[in-house]
Protein backbone atom coordinates (compact mmCIF):
# COMPACT_ATOMS: atom_id res chain seq x y z
CA UNK A 1 9.02 2.03 -6.06
CA UNK A 2 9.66 2.19 -9.80
CA UNK A 3 12.23 4.56 -11.21
CA UNK A 4 10.71 7.57 -12.97
CA UNK A 5 10.93 7.67 -16.76
CA UNK A 6 12.99 10.54 -18.12
CA UNK A 7 11.80 12.59 -21.08
CA UNK A 8 14.72 11.29 -23.11
CA UNK A 9 13.72 7.67 -22.35
CA UNK A 10 10.08 8.37 -23.17
CA UNK A 11 10.98 9.94 -26.52
CA UNK A 12 13.26 7.02 -27.39
CA UNK A 13 10.52 4.54 -26.52
CA UNK A 14 7.99 6.50 -28.62
CA UNK A 15 10.39 6.61 -31.59
CA UNK A 16 10.93 2.85 -31.39
CA UNK A 17 7.21 2.19 -31.18
CA UNK A 18 6.18 4.50 -34.03
CA UNK A 19 9.22 4.28 -36.30
CA UNK A 20 9.29 8.10 -36.47
CA UNK A 21 11.82 10.66 -35.26
CA UNK A 22 10.27 12.88 -32.60
CA UNK A 23 11.83 16.05 -34.03
CA UNK A 24 10.05 15.44 -37.34
CA UNK A 25 6.69 14.27 -36.00
CA UNK A 26 3.85 16.70 -36.59
CA UNK A 27 0.96 15.03 -34.82
CA UNK A 28 0.31 12.37 -32.21
CA UNK A 29 -3.22 11.11 -31.65
CA UNK A 30 -3.91 10.86 -27.93
CA UNK A 31 -7.50 9.70 -28.03
CA UNK A 32 -6.58 6.01 -28.05
CA UNK A 33 -3.70 6.11 -25.58
CA UNK A 34 -4.15 8.97 -23.09
CA UNK A 35 -4.55 7.52 -19.58
CA UNK A 36 -4.25 10.65 -17.41
CA UNK A 37 -5.63 14.14 -17.96
CA UNK A 38 -5.04 16.96 -15.47
CA UNK A 39 -7.22 19.97 -16.33
CA UNK A 40 -7.95 21.62 -12.97
CA UNK A 41 -8.39 25.42 -12.83
CA UNK A 42 -9.27 25.80 -16.52
CA UNK A 43 -12.82 27.23 -16.45
CA UNK A 44 -14.19 24.03 -18.05
CA UNK A 45 -18.01 24.09 -18.20
CA UNK A 46 -18.78 21.40 -20.76
CA UNK A 47 -17.36 17.93 -21.32
CA UNK A 48 -18.26 17.68 -25.00
CA UNK A 49 -15.86 15.37 -26.81
CA UNK A 50 -14.51 13.66 -23.68
CA UNK A 51 -15.93 10.37 -24.99
CA UNK A 52 -13.03 9.95 -27.45
CA UNK A 53 -10.59 9.42 -24.58
CA UNK A 54 -11.44 5.71 -24.31
CA UNK A 55 -8.25 4.79 -22.40
CA UNK A 56 -8.56 7.54 -19.79
CA UNK A 57 -8.11 6.18 -16.26
CA UNK A 58 -7.35 9.35 -14.28
CA UNK A 59 -9.17 12.67 -14.68
CA UNK A 60 -8.25 15.55 -12.40
CA UNK A 61 -10.61 18.41 -13.14
CA UNK A 62 -11.10 20.20 -9.85
CA UNK A 63 -12.02 23.86 -9.59
CA UNK A 64 -13.70 24.19 -12.96
CA UNK A 65 -17.24 25.30 -13.80
CA UNK A 66 -19.22 22.07 -14.35
CA UNK A 67 -22.64 22.61 -12.80
CA UNK A 68 -25.02 20.07 -14.34
CA UNK A 69 -25.39 16.33 -13.85
CA UNK A 70 -26.01 16.08 -17.61
CA UNK A 71 -22.41 17.19 -18.18
CA UNK A 72 -21.09 14.89 -15.44
CA UNK A 73 -22.92 11.98 -17.10
CA UNK A 74 -20.66 12.34 -20.15
CA UNK A 75 -17.97 10.75 -17.99
CA UNK A 76 -20.00 7.52 -18.21
CA UNK A 77 -18.63 7.18 -21.74
CA UNK A 78 -15.11 6.62 -20.35
CA UNK A 79 -15.04 2.84 -19.76
CA UNK A 80 -11.66 2.82 -17.97
CA UNK A 81 -12.12 5.83 -15.67
CA UNK A 82 -11.01 4.84 -12.16
CA UNK A 83 -9.83 8.05 -10.47
CA UNK A 84 -11.74 11.35 -10.59
CA UNK A 85 -10.96 14.64 -8.84
CA UNK A 86 -13.97 16.94 -9.10
CA UNK A 87 -13.93 19.17 -5.98
CA UNK A 88 -14.51 22.86 -6.52
CA UNK A 89 -16.97 22.51 -9.40
CA UNK A 90 -20.42 24.08 -8.83
CA UNK A 91 -22.03 20.63 -9.13
CA UNK A 92 -19.84 19.34 -6.29
CA UNK A 93 -20.27 22.49 -4.19
CA UNK A 94 -24.06 22.32 -4.53
CA UNK A 95 -24.33 18.90 -2.84
CA UNK A 96 -23.74 17.61 0.65
CA UNK A 97 -20.56 15.53 0.67
CA UNK A 98 -22.19 12.13 1.26
CA UNK A 99 -24.89 12.83 -1.35
CA UNK A 100 -22.21 13.86 -3.84
CA UNK A 101 -20.05 10.78 -3.23
CA UNK A 102 -23.01 8.41 -3.39
CA UNK A 103 -24.47 9.91 -6.55
CA UNK A 104 -21.13 10.23 -8.37
CA UNK A 105 -20.23 6.61 -7.52
CA UNK A 106 -23.66 5.43 -8.66
CA UNK A 107 -23.32 7.22 -11.99
CA UNK A 108 -19.74 5.99 -12.51
CA UNK A 109 -19.76 2.35 -11.35
CA UNK A 110 -16.16 1.68 -12.41
CA UNK A 111 -14.77 4.48 -10.25
CA UNK A 112 -12.27 3.34 -7.61
CA UNK A 113 -11.17 6.72 -6.29
CA UNK A 114 -13.22 9.92 -5.98
CA UNK A 115 -11.76 13.22 -4.83
CA UNK A 116 -8.73 11.48 -3.35
CA UNK A 117 -10.67 8.87 -1.38
CA UNK A 118 -11.36 5.21 -2.14
CA UNK A 119 -14.89 4.52 -3.34
CA UNK A 120 -16.50 1.92 -1.10
CA UNK A 121 -19.52 0.07 -2.42
CA UNK A 122 -22.00 -1.99 -0.42
CA UNK A 123 -21.67 -5.00 -2.73
CA UNK A 124 -17.87 -5.24 -2.33
CA UNK A 125 -16.16 -7.55 0.17
CA UNK A 126 -14.38 -5.86 3.09
CA UNK A 127 -10.79 -4.72 2.59
CA UNK A 128 -7.99 -7.06 3.57
CA UNK A 129 -4.47 -6.22 4.64
CA UNK A 130 -3.17 -7.07 1.16
CA UNK A 131 -5.68 -4.67 -0.42
CA UNK A 132 -4.49 -1.76 1.68
CA UNK A 133 -0.71 -2.16 1.41
CA UNK A 134 0.15 -4.32 -1.64
CA UNK A 135 3.66 -2.85 -1.81
CA UNK A 136 4.69 -4.32 1.53
CA UNK A 137 4.20 -1.22 3.69
CA UNK A 138 3.04 -1.41 7.28
CA UNK A 139 -0.34 -2.89 6.38
CA UNK A 140 -1.37 -3.92 9.88
CA UNK A 141 -0.87 -0.41 11.25
CA UNK A 142 -2.76 1.07 8.29
CA UNK A 143 -5.63 -1.40 8.65
CA UNK A 144 -5.93 -0.79 12.39
CA UNK A 145 -5.88 2.99 12.00
CA UNK A 146 -8.43 2.77 9.15
CA UNK A 147 -10.78 0.77 11.36
CA UNK A 148 -10.39 3.07 14.37
CA UNK A 149 -10.94 6.27 12.38
CA UNK A 150 -14.66 5.51 12.05
């Protein structure tokens, strides 16, 4: 496991990259670099403007107020989105779980993880041991338990 980056290290790295001193910086544009956004429990109804977050990979927005597929479709404008947490939104609550997962995955073809679970697609090859535990964990045990949970 990688060592966590401290705030001090992150600031130093940012200062080296930008040539600015953090204490004197007035603005940092996140639209080109933001990879994770956690906005759960914020009464979000609309996703207007989300399209500028072109580097976004992870969006956790559970327990908000999104109720229309037309709003959800705005997430299609995020080309790098891989991980979405959407439980607790009226749109999610209004669907049966399998219908929700199928429709959300269809609308966001690049999604790898939805509501904490891996997105499985019919056109993908079956998982291998290396796919499940690339960090050297007990892959055989994980694979066996994954196959027997069905």
